Amino acid sequence: MGREVTVKETVADSIAEIAWYIESKGLVATAEKFADEVYDFFIKLSDSRRVHAICRDPGGPCSVINAFHTKRNIQ
């Protein structure tokens, strides 16, 4: 179960227009790579796994965030 990402038609059209422009400059492989990487980025947005940075400073902003999560879990 992950988040659902919907690519609207206007966005897909814009991606296609940019890829067409790149291709019109003679960079066919670059245009294909651009489109692939944009859609790969959208797929990564739908990944529901959370990645948290390790807090190396015990008094830094991470401790505030961790306290918030702990308080939320207790209630």
C-alpha atoms as a PDB file:
ATOM      1  CA  MET A   1       0.000   0.000   0.000  1.00  0.00           C
ATOM      2  CA  GLY A   2       1.516   3.235  -1.115  1.00  0.00           C
ATOM      3  CA  ARG A   3       0.388   6.698  -1.872  1.00  0.00           C
ATOM      4  CA  GLU A   4      -1.394   7.174  -5.143  1.00  0.00           C
ATOM      5  CA  VAL A   5       0.124   9.679  -7.553  1.00  0.00           C
ATOM      6  CA  THR A   6      -2.016  10.803 -10.451  1.00  0.00           C
ATOM      7  CA  VAL A   7      -0.364  12.455 -13.427  1.00  0.00           C
ATOM      8  CA  LYS A   8      -2.906  14.717 -15.029  1.00  0.00           C
ATOM      9  CA  GLU A   9      -3.169  15.015 -18.793  1.00  0.00           C
ATOM     10  CA  THR A  10      -1.822  18.570 -18.779  1.00  0.00           C
ATOM     11  CA  VAL A  11       1.309  17.415 -16.951  1.00  0.00           C
ATOM     12  CA  ALA A  12       1.799  14.504 -19.347  1.00  0.00           C
ATOM     13  CA  ASP A  13       1.355  16.918 -22.273  1.00  0.00           C
ATOM     14  CA  SER A  14       3.964  19.271 -20.806  1.00  0.00           C
ATOM     15  CA  ILE A  15       6.437  16.429 -20.322  1.00  0.00           C
ATOM     16  CA  ALA A  16       5.839  15.344 -23.924  1.00  0.00           C
ATOM     17  CA  GLU A  17       6.326  18.904 -25.203  1.00  0.00           C
ATOM     18  CA  ILE A  18       9.619  19.282 -23.345  1.00  0.00           C
ATOM     19  CA  ALA A  19      10.795  15.884 -24.596  1.00  0.00           C
ATOM     20  CA  TRP A  20       9.763  16.847 -28.153  1.00  0.00           C
ATOM     21  CA  TYR A  21      11.733  20.100 -27.874  1.00  0.00           C
ATOM     22  CA  ILE A  22      14.829  18.241 -26.670  1.00  0.00           C
ATOM     23  CA  GLU A  23      14.373  15.714 -29.466  1.00  0.00           C
ATOM     24  CA  SER A  24      14.002  18.500 -32.058  1.00  0.00           C
ATOM     25  CA  LYS A  25      17.497  19.670 -31.119  1.00  0.00           C
ATOM     26  CA  GLY A  26      18.843  16.276 -32.182  1.00  0.00           C
ATOM     27  CA  LEU A  27      19.082  14.781 -28.705  1.00  0.00           C
ATOM     28  CA  VAL A  28      16.770  11.792 -29.082  1.00  0.00           C
ATOM     29  CA  ALA A  29      18.373   9.691 -26.342  1.00  0.00           C
ATOM     30  CA  THR A  30      18.346  12.656 -23.953  1.00  0.00           C
ATOM     31  CA  ALA A  31      14.648  13.274 -24.626  1.00  0.00           C
ATOM     32  CA  GLU A  32      13.823   9.654 -23.838  1.00  0.00           C
ATOM     33  CA  LYS A  33      15.985   9.748 -20.714  1.00  0.00           C
ATOM     34  CA  PHE A  34      14.275  12.965 -19.580  1.00  0.00           C
ATOM     35  CA  ALA A  35      10.784  11.501 -19.912  1.00  0.00           C
ATOM     36  CA  ASP A  36      11.813   8.266 -18.195  1.00  0.00           C
ATOM     37  CA  GLU A  37      13.405  10.092 -15.269  1.00  0.00           C
ATOM     38  CA  VAL A  38      10.391  12.371 -14.790  1.00  0.00           C
ATOM     39  CA  TYR A  39       8.037   9.399 -14.581  1.00  0.00           C
ATOM     40  CA  ASP A  40      10.493   7.547 -12.321  1.00  0.00           C
ATOM     41  CA  PHE A  41      10.402  10.583 -10.027  1.00  0.00           C
ATOM     42  CA  PHE A  42       6.604  10.370  -9.907  1.00  0.00           C
ATOM     43  CA  ILE A  43       6.835   6.675  -9.028  1.00  0.00           C
ATOM     44  CA  LYS A  44       9.214   7.512  -6.166  1.00  0.00           C
ATOM     45  CA  LEU A  45       6.652  10.000  -4.839  1.00  0.00           C
ATOM     46  CA  SER A  46       4.194   7.154  -4.439  1.00  0.00           C
ATOM     47  CA  ASP A  47       6.595   5.137  -2.265  1.00  0.00           C
ATOM     48  CA  SER A  48       5.046   4.935   1.204  1.00  0.00           C
ATOM     49  CA  ARG A  49       8.231   3.938   3.012  1.00  0.00           C
ATOM     50  CA  ARG A  50       9.499   6.681   5.263  1.00  0.00           C
ATOM     51  CA  VAL A  51      13.153   7.560   5.445  1.00  0.00           C
ATOM     52  CA  HIS A  52      14.273   9.499   8.499  1.00  0.00           C
ATOM     53  CA  ALA A  53      17.636  11.131   8.956  1.00  0.00           C
ATOM     54  CA  ILE A  54      19.720  10.109  11.960  1.00  0.00           C
ATOM     55  CA  CYS A  55      20.009  12.949  14.455  1.00  0.00           C
ATOM     56  CA  ARG A  56      23.651  13.375  15.399  1.00  0.00           C
ATOM     57  CA  ASP A  57      23.052  16.401  17.643  1.00  0.00           C
ATOM     58  CA  PRO A  58      21.046  15.360  20.756  1.00  0.00           C
ATOM     59  CA  GLY A  59      20.000  18.968  21.480  1.00  0.00           C
ATOM     60  CA  GLY A  60      19.263  19.858  17.876  1.00  0.00           C
ATOM     61  CA  PRO A  61      16.018  20.120  15.944  1.00  0.00           C
ATOM     62  CA  CYS A  62      15.734  16.327  15.599  1.00  0.00           C
ATOM     63  CA  SER A  63      15.121  15.986  19.348  1.00  0.00           C
ATOM     64  CA  VAL A  64      12.091  18.252  19.050  1.00  0.00           C
ATOM     65  CA  ILE A  65      10.709  16.183  16.198  1.00  0.00           C
ATOM     66  CA  ASN A  66      11.351  12.944  18.095  1.00  0.00           C
ATOM     67  CA  ALA A  67       9.603  14.328  21.206  1.00  0.00           C
ATOM     68  CA  PHE A  68       6.597  15.247  19.069  1.00  0.00           C
ATOM     69  CA  HIS A  69       6.335  11.743  17.662  1.00  0.00           C
ATOM     70  CA  THR A  70       6.726  10.183  21.113  1.00  0.00           C
ATOM     71  CA  LYS A  71       3.995  12.388  22.590  1.00  0.00           C
ATOM     72  CA  ARG A  72       1.708  11.609  19.687  1.00  0.00           C
ATOM     73  CA  ASN A  73       2.216   7.869  20.121  1.00  0.00           C
ATOM     74  CA  ILE A  74       1.408   7.990  23.859  1.00  0.00           C
ATOM     75  CA  GLN A  75      -1.969   9.679  23.427  1.00  0.00           C
END
